[in-house]
Amino acid sequence: MVSEIQGSNSGIVQGTDNRSQQINAKKVDEAKKTEASAPAASASVNLTQAANSLQALEKSISAAPEIDQQKVDAVRKAINEGSYKVDSEQTANKLIDFDTALPKQS
């Protein structure tokens, strides 16, 4: 024997469907905002010749050792042997060149 159920819960189901539609609409709006703010996938960057030169220089500098060990060893050996000579005139000229290259402060 089958009994008919009186008074279904169609109002609850309909309310749930409306809420699902609202959530989906919100997700679509957020996705559109994200797409609008994101950079285009086909964007490209063109570097000037100066930028390319700087990039190449940076690569060569990063590949070079931080310390020229052969030069350090040669200077150390000359100092230990007493044969290392300082050219005071050349040193003074380099200091003057460096000082004149610096921006002057008021």
C-alpha atoms as a PDB file:
ATOM      1  CA  MET A   1       0.000   0.000   0.000  1.00  0.00           C
ATOM      2  CA  VAL A   2       1.450   3.364  -1.068  1.00  0.00           C
ATOM      3  CA  SER A   3       0.689   6.488   0.867  1.00  0.00           C
ATOM      4  CA  GLU A   4       0.763   9.861  -0.802  1.00  0.00           C
ATOM      5  CA  ILE A   5       2.928  12.394   0.961  1.00  0.00           C
ATOM      6  CA  GLN A   6       1.104  15.617   1.533  1.00  0.00           C
ATOM      7  CA  GLY A   7       2.828  18.997   1.462  1.00  0.00           C
ATOM      8  CA  SER A   8       6.225  18.560  -0.160  1.00  0.00           C
ATOM      9  CA  ASN A   9       9.290  20.593   0.755  1.00  0.00           C
ATOM     10  CA  SER A  10       9.486  22.245  -2.661  1.00  0.00           C
ATOM     11  CA  GLY A  11      10.063  25.667  -1.055  1.00  0.00           C
ATOM     12  CA  ILE A  12      13.280  24.442   0.599  1.00  0.00           C
ATOM     13  CA  VAL A  13      14.534  22.881  -2.621  1.00  0.00           C
ATOM     14  CA  GLN A  14      13.724  26.026  -4.598  1.00  0.00           C
ATOM     15  CA  GLY A  15      15.543  28.198  -2.011  1.00  0.00           C
ATOM     16  CA  THR A  16      18.601  25.950  -2.258  1.00  0.00           C
ATOM     17  CA  ASP A  17      18.569  26.214  -6.058  1.00  0.00           C
ATOM     18  CA  ASN A  18      18.412  30.026  -5.864  1.00  0.00           C
ATOM     19  CA  ARG A  19      21.372  30.085  -3.460  1.00  0.00           C
ATOM     20  CA  SER A  20      23.390  27.819  -5.784  1.00  0.00           C
ATOM     21  CA  GLN A  21      22.687  30.152  -8.689  1.00  0.00           C
ATOM     22  CA  GLN A  22      23.835  33.153  -6.651  1.00  0.00           C
ATOM     23  CA  ILE A  23      27.079  31.418  -5.689  1.00  0.00           C
ATOM     24  CA  ASN A  24      27.756  30.401  -9.303  1.00  0.00           C
ATOM     25  CA  ALA A  25      27.063  33.956 -10.526  1.00  0.00           C
ATOM     26  CA  LYS A  26      29.481  35.329  -7.929  1.00  0.00           C
ATOM     27  CA  LYS A  27      32.191  32.885  -9.040  1.00  0.00           C
ATOM     28  CA  VAL A  28      31.727  33.942 -12.669  1.00  0.00           C
ATOM     29  CA  ASP A  29      31.996  37.633 -11.708  1.00  0.00           C
ATOM     30  CA  GLU A  30      35.210  36.979  -9.734  1.00  0.00           C
ATOM     31  CA  ALA A  31      36.694  35.023 -12.644  1.00  0.00           C
ATOM     32  CA  LYS A  32      35.941  37.912 -15.021  1.00  0.00           C
ATOM     33  CA  LYS A  33      37.608  40.393 -12.651  1.00  0.00           C
ATOM     34  CA  THR A  34      40.690  38.183 -12.386  1.00  0.00           C
ATOM     35  CA  GLU A  35      40.916  37.858 -16.158  1.00  0.00           C
ATOM     36  CA  ALA A  36      40.607  41.617 -16.588  1.00  0.00           C
ATOM     37  CA  SER A  37      43.391  42.371 -14.102  1.00  0.00           C
ATOM     38  CA  ALA A  38      45.767  39.639 -15.304  1.00  0.00           C
ATOM     39  CA  PRO A  39      48.358  40.614 -17.947  1.00  0.00           C
ATOM     40  CA  ALA A  40      47.770  39.352 -21.434  1.00  0.00           C
ATOM     41  CA  ALA A  41      49.453  36.057 -22.209  1.00  0.00           C
ATOM     42  CA  SER A  42      50.834  37.447 -25.446  1.00  0.00           C
ATOM     43  CA  ALA A  43      52.597  40.440 -23.854  1.00  0.00           C
ATOM     44  CA  SER A  44      56.197  40.854 -24.923  1.00  0.00           C
ATOM     45  CA  VAL A  45      59.133  42.934 -23.777  1.00  0.00           C
ATOM     46  CA  ASN A  46      61.664  44.527 -26.098  1.00  0.00           C
ATOM     47  CA  LEU A  47      64.974  45.490 -24.537  1.00  0.00           C
ATOM     48  CA  THR A  48      67.104  48.352 -25.774  1.00  0.00           C
ATOM     49  CA  GLN A  49      70.656  47.756 -26.920  1.00  0.00           C
ATOM     50  CA  ALA A  50      71.908  49.256 -23.654  1.00  0.00           C
ATOM     51  CA  ALA A  51      69.742  46.866 -21.640  1.00  0.00           C
ATOM     52  CA  ASN A  52      71.009  43.930 -23.694  1.00  0.00           C
ATOM     53  CA  SER A  53      74.596  45.050 -23.088  1.00  0.00           C
ATOM     54  CA  LEU A  54      73.980  45.362 -19.355  1.00  0.00           C
ATOM     55  CA  GLN A  55      72.404  41.921 -19.300  1.00  0.00           C
ATOM     56  CA  ALA A  56      75.420  40.415 -21.082  1.00  0.00           C
ATOM     57  CA  LEU A  57      77.789  42.235 -18.719  1.00  0.00           C
ATOM     58  CA  GLU A  58      75.877  40.962 -15.704  1.00  0.00           C
ATOM     59  CA  LYS A  59      76.159  37.392 -16.987  1.00  0.00           C
ATOM     60  CA  SER A  60      79.897  37.688 -17.554  1.00  0.00           C
ATOM     61  CA  ILE A  61      80.449  39.240 -14.130  1.00  0.00           C
ATOM     62  CA  SER A  62      78.418  36.565 -12.383  1.00  0.00           C
ATOM     63  CA  ALA A  63      80.435  33.874 -14.184  1.00  0.00           C
ATOM     64  CA  ALA A  64      83.774  35.377 -13.113  1.00  0.00           C
ATOM     65  CA  PRO A  65      85.262  34.341  -9.780  1.00  0.00           C
ATOM     66  CA  GLU A  66      84.940  36.883  -6.982  1.00  0.00           C
ATOM     67  CA  ILE A  67      88.670  36.727  -6.261  1.00  0.00           C
ATOM     68  CA  ASP A  68      91.460  36.505  -8.817  1.00  0.00           C
ATOM     69  CA  GLN A  69      93.480  34.010  -6.831  1.00  0.00           C
ATOM     70  CA  GLN A  70      96.463  34.151  -9.195  1.00  0.00           C
ATOM     71  CA  LYS A  71      96.768  37.889  -8.710  1.00  0.00           C
ATOM     72  CA  VAL A  72      96.406  37.567  -4.936  1.00  0.00           C
ATOM     73  CA  ASP A  73      99.110  34.891  -4.855  1.00  0.00           C
ATOM     74  CA  ALA A  74     101.456  37.010  -6.989  1.00  0.00           C
ATOM     75  CA  VAL A  75     101.020  40.085  -4.769  1.00  0.00           C
ATOM     76  CA  ARG A  76     101.407  37.999  -1.603  1.00  0.00           C
ATOM     77  CA  LYS A  77     104.616  36.456  -2.969  1.00  0.00           C
ATOM     78  CA  ALA A  78     106.012  39.889  -3.943  1.00  0.00           C
ATOM     79  CA  ILE A  79     105.230  41.294  -0.477  1.00  0.00           C
ATOM     80  CA  ASN A  80     106.869  38.317   1.257  1.00  0.00           C
ATOM     81  CA  GLU A  81     109.967  38.638  -0.949  1.00  0.00           C
ATOM     82  CA  GLY A  82     110.134  42.407  -0.412  1.00  0.00           C
ATOM     83  CA  SER A  83     109.870  43.101  -4.135  1.00  0.00           C
ATOM     84  CA  TYR A  84     106.387  44.664  -4.066  1.00  0.00           C
ATOM     85  CA  LYS A  85     106.675  48.340  -4.912  1.00  0.00           C
ATOM     86  CA  VAL A  86     103.938  50.930  -4.623  1.00  0.00           C
ATOM     87  CA  ASP A  87     103.934  53.710  -7.225  1.00  0.00           C
ATOM     88  CA  SER A  88     102.859  56.611  -5.018  1.00  0.00           C
ATOM     89  CA  GLU A  89     102.328  58.980  -7.954  1.00  0.00           C
ATOM     90  CA  GLN A  90     100.022  56.534  -9.723  1.00  0.00           C
ATOM     91  CA  THR A  91      98.136  55.891  -6.465  1.00  0.00           C
ATOM     92  CA  ALA A  92      97.691  59.637  -5.882  1.00  0.00           C
ATOM     93  CA  ASN A  93      96.445  60.155  -9.447  1.00  0.00           C
ATOM     94  CA  LYS A  94      93.915  57.335  -9.074  1.00  0.00           C
ATOM     95  CA  LEU A  95      92.663  58.849  -5.794  1.00  0.00           C
ATOM     96  CA  ILE A  96      92.263  62.246  -7.473  1.00  0.00           C
ATOM     97  CA  ASP A  97      90.428  60.677 -10.434  1.00  0.00           C
ATOM     98  CA  PHE A  98      88.104  58.853  -8.074  1.00  0.00           C
ATOM     99  CA  ASP A  99      87.443  61.973  -6.017  1.00  0.00           C
ATOM    100  CA  THR A 100      86.610  64.090  -9.077  1.00  0.00           C
ATOM    101  CA  ALA A 101      84.241  61.403 -10.377  1.00  0.00           C
ATOM    102  CA  LEU A 102      82.161  61.537  -7.191  1.00  0.00           C
ATOM    103  CA  PRO A 103      79.182  63.910  -7.126  1.00  0.00           C
ATOM    104  CA  LYS A 104      79.834  66.978  -5.028  1.00  0.00           C
ATOM    105  CA  GLN A 105      77.661  67.521  -1.956  1.00  0.00           C
ATOM    106  CA  SER A 106      76.514  70.996  -0.963  1.00  0.00           C
END
